[in-house]
Amino acid sequence: MHSNRPYLLKAFFDWIVDNQCTPYVIVDANYIGVEVPQEFVNDGQIVLNIAPRAVTNFEMNNEAVYFSTRFGGMPVDLYLPLFSITGIYAQENGKGMMFEPDETEEPPPPLKSSKSNQQSNIDDQKSSAKPKPALRVVK
């Protein structure tokens, strides 16, 4: 099966926004393909406000989240491969979800951030061994 991370990320984003809260994502800035301003990275992570009022050209798909925003008054394009996002939460109350590394599927190779190539197809990499089923409680 494919990772459930893209679906959970989209669902939590919509839930947070629908409740008039501010969605923030925690990003592993050292993940391959991440494009963020390095001067704002602390301990290998960066926390980003992805509220619709704070970003432009926002796109979230099954491979990545990308958008434009301002840092220090300067416009910046950000690119976050989906597996670089380690959590999403509402700023107002801290409710959200932290993601564990997905061991059942290898992360897809990072896409280039050029807008013309965002919808390119990626071949699924499936191993011949079936992964052991795992369930966990989501609060």
C-alpha atoms as a PDB file:
ATOM      1  CA  MET A   1       0.000   0.000   0.000  1.00  0.00           C
ATOM      2  CA  HIS A   2       1.015   3.591  -0.523  1.00  0.00           C
ATOM      3  CA  SER A   3       1.842   5.765   2.430  1.00  0.00           C
ATOM      4  CA  ASN A   4      -1.082   7.368   4.249  1.00  0.00           C
ATOM      5  CA  ARG A   5       0.967  10.506   4.956  1.00  0.00           C
ATOM      6  CA  PRO A   6      -0.312  12.585   1.983  1.00  0.00           C
ATOM      7  CA  TYR A   7      -3.906  11.842   2.932  1.00  0.00           C
ATOM      8  CA  LEU A   8      -3.416  12.593   6.619  1.00  0.00           C
ATOM      9  CA  LEU A   9      -1.497  15.789   5.886  1.00  0.00           C
ATOM     10  CA  LYS A  10      -4.268  17.066   3.579  1.00  0.00           C
ATOM     11  CA  ALA A  11      -6.977  16.083   6.073  1.00  0.00           C
ATOM     12  CA  PHE A  12      -5.266  17.808   9.010  1.00  0.00           C
ATOM     13  CA  PHE A  13      -4.586  20.914   6.906  1.00  0.00           C
ATOM     14  CA  ASP A  14      -8.252  21.146   5.888  1.00  0.00           C
ATOM     15  CA  TRP A  15      -9.449  20.454   9.456  1.00  0.00           C
ATOM     16  CA  ILE A  16      -7.207  23.156  10.937  1.00  0.00           C
ATOM     17  CA  VAL A  17      -8.179  25.756   8.320  1.00  0.00           C
ATOM     18  CA  ASP A  18     -11.903  24.876   8.546  1.00  0.00           C
ATOM     19  CA  ASN A  19     -11.709  25.582  12.298  1.00  0.00           C
ATOM     20  CA  GLN A  20     -10.257  29.061  11.644  1.00  0.00           C
ATOM     21  CA  CYS A  21      -6.872  28.072  13.072  1.00  0.00           C
ATOM     22  CA  THR A  22      -3.373  28.570  11.671  1.00  0.00           C
ATOM     23  CA  PRO A  23      -1.692  25.430  10.250  1.00  0.00           C
ATOM     24  CA  TYR A  24       2.024  25.058  10.922  1.00  0.00           C
ATOM     25  CA  VAL A  25       4.255  22.280   9.581  1.00  0.00           C
ATOM     26  CA  ILE A  26       7.470  20.977  11.073  1.00  0.00           C
ATOM     27  CA  VAL A  27      10.006  20.186   8.363  1.00  0.00           C
ATOM     28  CA  ASP A  28      13.244  18.187   8.407  1.00  0.00           C
ATOM     29  CA  ALA A  29      15.416  20.770   6.655  1.00  0.00           C
ATOM     30  CA  ASN A  30      18.123  18.170   5.987  1.00  0.00           C
ATOM     31  CA  TYR A  31      15.836  15.947   3.910  1.00  0.00           C
ATOM     32  CA  ILE A  32      16.920  15.590   0.286  1.00  0.00           C
ATOM     33  CA  GLY A  33      15.207  18.104  -1.969  1.00  0.00           C
ATOM     34  CA  VAL A  34      13.991  20.512   0.737  1.00  0.00           C
ATOM     35  CA  GLU A  35      14.218  24.124  -0.374  1.00  0.00           C
ATOM     36  CA  VAL A  36      13.877  26.514   2.595  1.00  0.00           C
ATOM     37  CA  PRO A  37      15.893  29.542   3.754  1.00  0.00           C
ATOM     38  CA  GLN A  38      18.707  27.911   5.722  1.00  0.00           C
ATOM     39  CA  GLU A  39      19.239  30.933   7.967  1.00  0.00           C
ATOM     40  CA  PHE A  40      15.895  30.128   9.667  1.00  0.00           C
ATOM     41  CA  VAL A  41      16.698  26.446  10.329  1.00  0.00           C
ATOM     42  CA  ASN A  42      17.209  25.442  13.971  1.00  0.00           C
ATOM     43  CA  ASP A  43      18.567  22.005  14.940  1.00  0.00           C
ATOM     44  CA  GLY A  44      17.889  20.701  11.430  1.00  0.00           C
ATOM     45  CA  GLN A  45      14.221  21.714  11.525  1.00  0.00           C
ATOM     46  CA  ILE A  46      12.125  24.635  10.407  1.00  0.00           C
ATOM     47  CA  VAL A  47       8.558  25.427  11.432  1.00  0.00           C
ATOM     48  CA  LEU A  48       6.458  27.083   8.721  1.00  0.00           C
ATOM     49  CA  ASN A  49       3.102  28.846   8.739  1.00  0.00           C
ATOM     50  CA  ILE A  50       1.146  27.460   5.767  1.00  0.00           C
ATOM     51  CA  ALA A  51      -2.112  29.342   6.374  1.00  0.00           C
ATOM     52  CA  PRO A  52      -3.763  30.467   3.129  1.00  0.00           C
ATOM     53  CA  ARG A  53      -3.367  34.118   4.210  1.00  0.00           C
ATOM     54  CA  ALA A  54       0.397  33.649   4.734  1.00  0.00           C
ATOM     55  CA  VAL A  55       1.332  31.952   1.441  1.00  0.00           C
ATOM     56  CA  THR A  56       0.766  32.275  -2.293  1.00  0.00           C
ATOM     57  CA  ASN A  57       0.857  29.719  -5.117  1.00  0.00           C
ATOM     58  CA  PHE A  58       0.168  26.966  -2.557  1.00  0.00           C
ATOM     59  CA  GLU A  59       0.128  23.422  -3.906  1.00  0.00           C
ATOM     60  CA  MET A  60      -0.089  20.182  -1.939  1.00  0.00           C
ATOM     61  CA  ASN A  61       0.059  16.890  -3.784  1.00  0.00           C
ATOM     62  CA  ASN A  62       1.151  13.318  -3.054  1.00  0.00           C
ATOM     63  CA  GLU A  63       4.835  14.153  -3.595  1.00  0.00           C
ATOM     64  CA  ALA A  64       5.382  17.598  -2.097  1.00  0.00           C
ATOM     65  CA  VAL A  65       4.093  20.863  -0.708  1.00  0.00           C
ATOM     66  CA  TYR A  66       5.300  24.015  -2.414  1.00  0.00           C
ATOM     67  CA  PHE A  67       4.417  27.666  -2.068  1.00  0.00           C
ATOM     68  CA  SER A  68       5.769  31.198  -1.942  1.00  0.00           C
ATOM     69  CA  THR A  69       6.004  33.305   1.208  1.00  0.00           C
ATOM     70  CA  ARG A  70       8.091  36.082   2.721  1.00  0.00           C
ATOM     71  CA  PHE A  71      11.056  35.823   5.057  1.00  0.00           C
ATOM     72  CA  GLY A  72      12.380  39.130   6.342  1.00  0.00           C
ATOM     73  CA  GLY A  73      10.244  40.916   3.757  1.00  0.00           C
ATOM     74  CA  MET A  74      11.829  39.031   0.865  1.00  0.00           C
ATOM     75  CA  PRO A  75       9.714  36.677  -1.303  1.00  0.00           C
ATOM     76  CA  VAL A  76      10.926  33.065  -1.197  1.00  0.00           C
ATOM     77  CA  ASP A  77       9.754  29.912  -3.003  1.00  0.00           C
ATOM     78  CA  LEU A  78       9.704  26.849  -0.733  1.00  0.00           C
ATOM     79  CA  TYR A  79       9.616  23.197  -1.737  1.00  0.00           C
ATOM     80  CA  LEU A  80       8.929  20.469   0.832  1.00  0.00           C
ATOM     81  CA  PRO A  81       9.024  16.831  -0.268  1.00  0.00           C
ATOM     82  CA  LEU A  82       6.138  15.161   1.551  1.00  0.00           C
ATOM     83  CA  PHE A  83       8.377  12.895   3.635  1.00  0.00           C
ATOM     84  CA  SER A  84      10.332  15.915   4.909  1.00  0.00           C
ATOM     85  CA  ILE A  85       7.226  17.056   6.805  1.00  0.00           C
ATOM     86  CA  THR A  86       7.375  15.509  10.263  1.00  0.00           C
ATOM     87  CA  GLY A  87       4.256  17.119  11.727  1.00  0.00           C
ATOM     88  CA  ILE A  88       1.335  19.500  11.307  1.00  0.00           C
ATOM     89  CA  TYR A  89      -0.483  21.367  14.066  1.00  0.00           C
ATOM     90  CA  ALA A  90      -2.728  24.340  14.818  1.00  0.00           C
ATOM     91  CA  GLN A  91      -0.821  27.281  16.296  1.00  0.00           C
ATOM     92  CA  GLU A  92      -3.737  28.287  18.525  1.00  0.00           C
ATOM     93  CA  ASN A  93      -4.116  25.018  20.451  1.00  0.00           C
ATOM     94  CA  GLY A  94      -1.293  22.687  19.379  1.00  0.00           C
ATOM     95  CA  LYS A  95      -3.695  20.050  18.048  1.00  0.00           C
ATOM     96  CA  GLY A  96      -2.400  18.099  15.092  1.00  0.00           C
ATOM     97  CA  MET A  97      -0.221  15.110  14.302  1.00  0.00           C
ATOM     98  CA  MET A  98       3.430  14.109  14.273  1.00  0.00           C
ATOM     99  CA  PHE A  99       4.381  11.616  11.570  1.00  0.00           C
ATOM    100  CA  GLU A 100       6.593   8.636  12.193  1.00  0.00           C
ATOM    101  CA  PRO A 101       9.002   7.529   9.486  1.00  0.00           C
ATOM    102  CA  ASP A 102       7.021   5.397   7.046  1.00  0.00           C
ATOM    103  CA  GLU A 103       8.784   2.054   6.946  1.00  0.00           C
ATOM    104  CA  THR A 104       6.374   0.393   4.508  1.00  0.00           C
ATOM    105  CA  GLU A 105       7.338   2.522   1.523  1.00  0.00           C
ATOM    106  CA  GLU A 106      10.485   4.291   0.486  1.00  0.00           C
ATOM    107  CA  PRO A 107      10.025   8.019  -0.030  1.00  0.00           C
ATOM    108  CA  PRO A 108       9.647   9.029  -3.654  1.00  0.00           C
ATOM    109  CA  PRO A 109      12.590  10.758  -5.269  1.00  0.00           C
ATOM    110  CA  PRO A 110      12.337  14.533  -4.895  1.00  0.00           C
ATOM    111  CA  LEU A 111      10.851  16.426  -7.829  1.00  0.00           C
ATOM    112  CA  LYS A 112      12.447  19.517  -9.252  1.00  0.00           C
ATOM    113  CA  SER A 113      10.707  22.664  -8.098  1.00  0.00           C
ATOM    114  CA  SER A 114      10.083  23.954 -11.599  1.00  0.00           C
ATOM    115  CA  LYS A 115       6.361  24.529 -11.942  1.00  0.00           C
ATOM    116  CA  SER A 116       6.239  23.023 -15.439  1.00  0.00           C
ATOM    117  CA  ASN A 117       7.461  19.635 -14.208  1.00  0.00           C
ATOM    118  CA  GLN A 118       5.370  19.293 -11.024  1.00  0.00           C
ATOM    119  CA  GLN A 119       2.984  16.668 -12.382  1.00  0.00           C
ATOM    120  CA  SER A 120       5.579  14.258 -13.780  1.00  0.00           C
ATOM    121  CA  ASN A 121       4.915  10.594 -13.092  1.00  0.00           C
ATOM    122  CA  ILE A 122       6.996   8.606 -10.631  1.00  0.00           C
ATOM    123  CA  ASP A 123       7.246   4.838 -10.971  1.00  0.00           C
ATOM    124  CA  ASP A 124       6.182   2.947  -7.847  1.00  0.00           C
ATOM    125  CA  GLN A 125       8.954   1.005  -6.178  1.00  0.00           C
ATOM    126  CA  LYS A 126       7.550  -2.142  -4.631  1.00  0.00           C
ATOM    127  CA  SER A 127       9.588  -4.764  -2.879  1.00  0.00           C
ATOM    128  CA  SER A 128       8.776  -8.424  -3.334  1.00  0.00           C
ATOM    129  CA  ALA A 129       8.520  -8.975   0.452  1.00  0.00           C
ATOM    130  CA  LYS A 130       5.222  -7.945   2.014  1.00  0.00           C
ATOM    131  CA  PRO A 131       5.580  -5.554   4.946  1.00  0.00           C
ATOM    132  CA  LYS A 132       4.246  -6.665   8.307  1.00  0.00           C
ATOM    133  CA  PRO A 133       0.888  -4.988   9.062  1.00  0.00           C
ATOM    134  CA  ALA A 134       1.051  -2.331  11.777  1.00  0.00           C
ATOM    135  CA  LEU A 135      -1.609  -0.324  13.567  1.00  0.00           C
ATOM    136  CA  ARG A 136      -1.177   2.589  15.920  1.00  0.00           C
ATOM    137  CA  VAL A 137      -3.505   4.830  17.893  1.00  0.00           C
ATOM    138  CA  VAL A 138      -4.009   8.316  16.449  1.00  0.00           C
ATOM    139  CA  LYS A 139      -5.294  10.861  18.955  1.00  0.00           C
END
